């Protein structure tokens, strides 16, 4: 469970960096890494959505910020 959460966090951080590069320069690094293949590109984007949903579930189910209050 912890490993899955760490993988999802790393995946979303990588997508955030790719999005920042695209926003600042106009160069889509993720599309470049996918060699222009739209099927691979869309599947990686869907994995980012799944990672975000997993982290949302993890935050709701395990409430890691509860000991802070």
Protein backbone atom coordinates (compact mmCIF):
# COMPACT_ATOMS: atom_id res chain seq x y z
CA UNK A 1 0.00 0.00 0.00
CA UNK A 2 2.80 2.40 0.88
CA UNK A 3 4.74 1.47 -2.25
CA UNK A 4 1.70 2.13 -4.44
CA UNK A 5 1.27 5.55 -2.85
CA UNK A 6 4.93 6.42 -3.40
CA UNK A 7 4.76 5.32 -7.04
CA UNK A 8 1.65 7.42 -7.62
CA UNK A 9 3.29 10.44 -5.98
CA UNK A 10 6.40 10.07 -8.12
CA UNK A 11 4.28 9.66 -11.25
CA UNK A 12 2.27 12.80 -10.52
CA UNK A 13 5.40 14.80 -9.72
CA UNK A 14 6.87 13.76 -13.07
CA UNK A 15 3.67 14.79 -14.85
CA UNK A 16 3.76 18.12 -13.03
CA UNK A 17 7.29 18.72 -14.28
CA UNK A 18 6.24 17.78 -17.82
CA UNK A 19 3.28 20.17 -17.58
CA UNK A 20 5.50 22.99 -16.29
CA UNK A 21 7.95 22.51 -19.17
CA UNK A 22 5.05 22.57 -21.63
CA UNK A 23 3.51 25.67 -20.03
CA UNK A 24 6.77 27.61 -19.93
CA UNK A 25 8.30 26.64 -23.27
CA UNK A 26 5.52 25.24 -25.44
CA UNK A 27 7.48 22.00 -25.94
CA UNK A 28 5.51 18.89 -25.02
CA UNK A 29 8.21 16.68 -23.48
CA UNK A 30 5.80 13.82 -22.75
CA UNK A 31 4.68 13.66 -26.37
CA UNK A 32 8.34 13.75 -27.41
CA UNK A 33 9.15 10.85 -25.07
CA UNK A 34 6.21 8.91 -26.53
CA UNK A 35 7.70 9.47 -30.01
CA UNK A 36 4.50 11.17 -31.15
CA UNK A 37 2.38 8.04 -30.57
CA UNK A 38 -1.01 9.31 -29.44
CA UNK A 39 -2.11 5.95 -27.99
CA UNK A 40 0.86 5.78 -25.62
CA UNK A 41 0.46 9.47 -24.82
CA UNK A 42 -3.22 9.08 -23.89
CA UNK A 43 -2.57 5.92 -21.87
CA UNK A 44 0.10 7.72 -19.81
CA UNK A 45 -2.29 10.61 -19.23
CA UNK A 46 -4.94 8.17 -18.03
CA UNK A 47 -2.40 6.64 -15.64
CA UNK A 48 -1.88 10.10 -14.19
CA UNK A 49 -5.62 10.31 -13.56
CA UNK A 50 -5.60 6.92 -11.87
CA UNK A 51 -2.66 8.00 -9.72
CA UNK A 52 -4.54 11.13 -8.67
CA UNK A 53 -7.62 9.11 -7.77
CA UNK A 54 -5.49 6.68 -5.74
CA UNK A 55 -3.96 9.54 -3.77
CA UNK A 56 -7.40 11.03 -3.16
CA UNK A 57 -8.61 7.67 -1.84
CA UNK A 58 -5.48 7.37 0.34
CA UNK A 59 -6.03 10.83 1.81
CA UNK A 60 -9.68 10.10 2.59
CA UNK A 61 -9.23 6.55 3.88
CA UNK A 62 -6.11 6.94 5.99
CA UNK A 63 -6.26 10.62 6.92
CA UNK A 64 -2.51 11.17 7.29
CA UNK A 65 -3.00 14.76 8.48
CA UNK A 66 -5.20 13.80 11.45
CA UNK A 67 -2.27 13.52 13.96
CA UNK A 68 -1.24 17.10 13.05
CA UNK A 69 -4.39 18.67 14.47
